[in-house]
Amino acid sequence: MVKVGSLEHVAVAYRDTDTAAQWYCDVLGFEIIFKALHPAHGVYFYFVRDPAGTGLIEIIPMPPGDDTRLNDFSTAHVHLAFDVEDMDAAVAALEAHGVEMEGPPIKMGENSLLFFRDPEGAPLQFVQRPKPLK
């Protein structure tokens, strides 16, 4: 077995990396901690850090000609989940930014879940738990 520390980052490919990175900052409060020109694609790629400083998303360019659609579960089944302390406040903040939600929050036992989409349609989730998984 290889000894690892923790998950360093998750990478998601976007057609418009600049817009995606800015959206994570403006809507979810992330911070751009690294930006560089991708040598093979000629566009920028980014690392954005969550507000708690514990998680990174690498925003990479979609390869030219790739027809994967983040908003189509038949070609890309993925979601990124973020914990929130107050689901009502989180919903209000998304509404203020005009973010499309996949319906109201869902109760699963003591947990509240909300699915919504980023600018390219990638499914994201807010989770409010009385006791964090961490």
Protein backbone atom coordinates (compact mmCIF):
# COMPACT_ATOMS: atom_id res chain seq x y z
CA MET A 1 0.00 0.00 0.00
CA VAL A 2 1.21 3.50 -0.84
CA LYS A 3 1.07 5.89 2.08
CA VAL A 4 -0.70 9.08 1.06
CA GLY A 5 -1.48 12.19 3.04
CA SER A 6 -4.76 13.62 1.83
CA LEU A 7 -6.57 14.38 -1.39
CA GLU A 8 -4.69 17.31 -2.89
CA HIS A 9 -7.10 18.46 -5.58
CA VAL A 10 -9.86 17.52 -8.01
CA ALA A 11 -9.57 18.58 -11.65
CA VAL A 12 -12.53 19.52 -13.83
CA ALA A 13 -12.21 20.37 -17.53
CA TYR A 14 -14.02 23.46 -18.84
CA ARG A 15 -14.40 25.04 -22.24
CA ASP A 16 -13.99 28.52 -20.71
CA THR A 17 -11.48 28.24 -17.87
CA ASP A 18 -11.39 32.00 -17.20
CA THR A 19 -15.15 32.18 -16.63
CA ALA A 20 -15.17 29.01 -14.52
CA ALA A 21 -12.39 30.24 -12.22
CA GLN A 22 -14.01 33.63 -11.77
CA TRP A 23 -17.40 32.01 -11.06
CA TYR A 24 -15.96 29.88 -8.24
CA CYS A 25 -14.47 33.05 -6.74
CA ASP A 26 -17.51 35.31 -7.18
CA VAL A 27 -20.24 32.83 -6.26
CA LEU A 28 -18.60 30.40 -3.82
CA GLY A 29 -15.86 32.57 -2.33
CA PHE A 30 -12.91 30.57 -3.65
CA GLU A 31 -9.53 32.20 -4.24
CA ILE A 32 -7.30 31.80 -7.28
CA ILE A 33 -3.95 30.61 -5.94
CA PHE A 34 -2.32 29.66 -9.26
CA LYS A 35 -2.84 30.69 -12.87
CA ALA A 36 -0.70 29.66 -15.83
CA LEU A 37 -0.95 29.38 -19.57
CA HIS A 38 -1.53 25.77 -20.57
CA PRO A 39 1.28 24.95 -23.03
CA ALA A 40 -0.76 22.56 -25.18
CA HIS A 41 -4.03 24.50 -25.32
CA GLY A 42 -2.98 28.17 -25.23
CA VAL A 43 -5.52 29.08 -22.53
CA TYR A 44 -5.13 29.52 -18.81
CA PHE A 45 -5.59 26.81 -16.24
CA TYR A 46 -6.16 27.55 -12.57
CA PHE A 47 -6.02 26.19 -9.06
CA VAL A 48 -8.73 27.68 -6.87
CA ARG A 49 -8.85 27.16 -3.10
CA ASP A 50 -12.01 26.89 -1.03
CA PRO A 51 -12.77 29.51 1.64
CA ALA A 52 -11.70 27.13 4.44
CA GLY A 53 -8.31 26.68 2.81
CA THR A 54 -8.62 22.91 2.80
CA GLY A 55 -9.58 21.96 -0.76
CA LEU A 56 -8.39 22.74 -4.26
CA ILE A 57 -10.05 22.49 -7.65
CA GLU A 58 -7.87 22.52 -10.73
CA ILE A 59 -9.71 24.13 -13.62
CA ILE A 60 -8.24 22.69 -16.80
CA PRO A 61 -9.14 23.24 -20.47
CA MET A 62 -11.39 20.79 -22.25
CA PRO A 63 -9.40 19.15 -25.04
CA PRO A 64 -10.34 20.51 -28.49
CA GLY A 65 -13.00 18.36 -30.13
CA ASP A 66 -14.09 16.71 -26.86
CA ASP A 67 -17.88 16.68 -26.91
CA THR A 68 -18.29 15.87 -23.20
CA ARG A 69 -21.00 18.00 -21.67
CA LEU A 70 -20.82 18.49 -17.91
CA ASN A 71 -24.59 19.02 -17.85
CA ASP A 72 -25.30 15.64 -19.50
CA PHE A 73 -25.20 12.74 -17.07
CA SER A 74 -24.89 10.28 -19.97
CA THR A 75 -21.42 11.63 -20.80
CA ALA A 76 -20.15 13.05 -17.50
CA HIS A 77 -21.39 11.77 -14.15
CA VAL A 78 -19.68 13.82 -11.49
CA HIS A 79 -20.52 16.30 -8.78
CA LEU A 80 -18.49 18.35 -6.36
CA ALA A 81 -19.94 18.76 -2.88
CA PHE A 82 -19.32 21.64 -0.48
CA ASP A 83 -20.38 21.78 3.14
CA VAL A 84 -22.42 24.75 4.35
CA GLU A 85 -23.47 25.76 7.85
CA ASP A 86 -26.74 27.44 6.83
CA MET A 87 -28.61 26.03 3.83
CA ASP A 88 -31.14 28.88 3.74
CA ALA A 89 -28.34 31.47 3.56
CA ALA A 90 -26.55 29.39 0.91
CA VAL A 91 -29.71 29.22 -1.23
CA ALA A 92 -30.25 32.97 -0.87
CA ALA A 93 -26.65 33.66 -1.96
CA LEU A 94 -27.03 31.44 -5.04
CA GLU A 95 -30.32 33.14 -5.92
CA ALA A 96 -28.64 36.55 -5.60
CA HIS A 97 -26.08 35.41 -8.20
CA GLY A 98 -28.76 34.03 -10.52
CA VAL A 99 -27.54 30.45 -10.14
CA GLU A 100 -29.92 27.79 -11.44
CA MET A 101 -30.81 25.20 -8.80
CA GLU A 102 -32.13 21.69 -9.34
CA GLY A 103 -35.14 22.26 -7.10
CA PRO A 104 -35.32 23.07 -3.40
CA PRO A 105 -33.04 21.51 -0.77
CA ILE A 106 -33.75 17.84 -0.09
CA LYS A 107 -33.88 16.44 3.44
CA MET A 108 -32.18 13.07 3.92
CA GLY A 109 -32.50 12.24 7.58
CA GLU A 110 -30.84 15.11 9.43
CA ASN A 111 -28.93 16.26 6.33
CA SER A 112 -29.97 18.86 3.77
CA LEU A 113 -28.75 18.56 0.18
CA LEU A 114 -29.00 21.01 -2.70
CA PHE A 115 -27.87 20.47 -6.29
CA PHE A 116 -27.06 23.39 -8.57
CA ARG A 117 -24.93 24.05 -11.63
CA ASP A 118 -21.88 26.09 -12.50
CA PRO A 119 -21.63 28.18 -15.71
CA GLU A 120 -20.96 25.14 -17.93
CA GLY A 121 -23.59 23.00 -16.26
CA ALA A 122 -21.37 20.88 -14.01
CA PRO A 123 -23.41 19.54 -11.10
CA LEU A 124 -22.44 20.93 -7.70
CA GLN A 125 -23.92 20.17 -4.32
CA PHE A 126 -24.25 21.92 -0.98
CA VAL A 127 -24.51 19.65 2.06
CA GLN A 128 -25.56 20.76 5.52
CA ARG A 129 -24.97 18.10 8.19
CA PRO A 130 -25.43 18.37 11.93
CA LYS A 131 -22.12 16.52 12.28
CA PRO A 132 -19.51 16.99 9.53
CA LEU A 133 -17.96 13.93 7.88
CA LYS A 134 -14.46 15.33 8.52
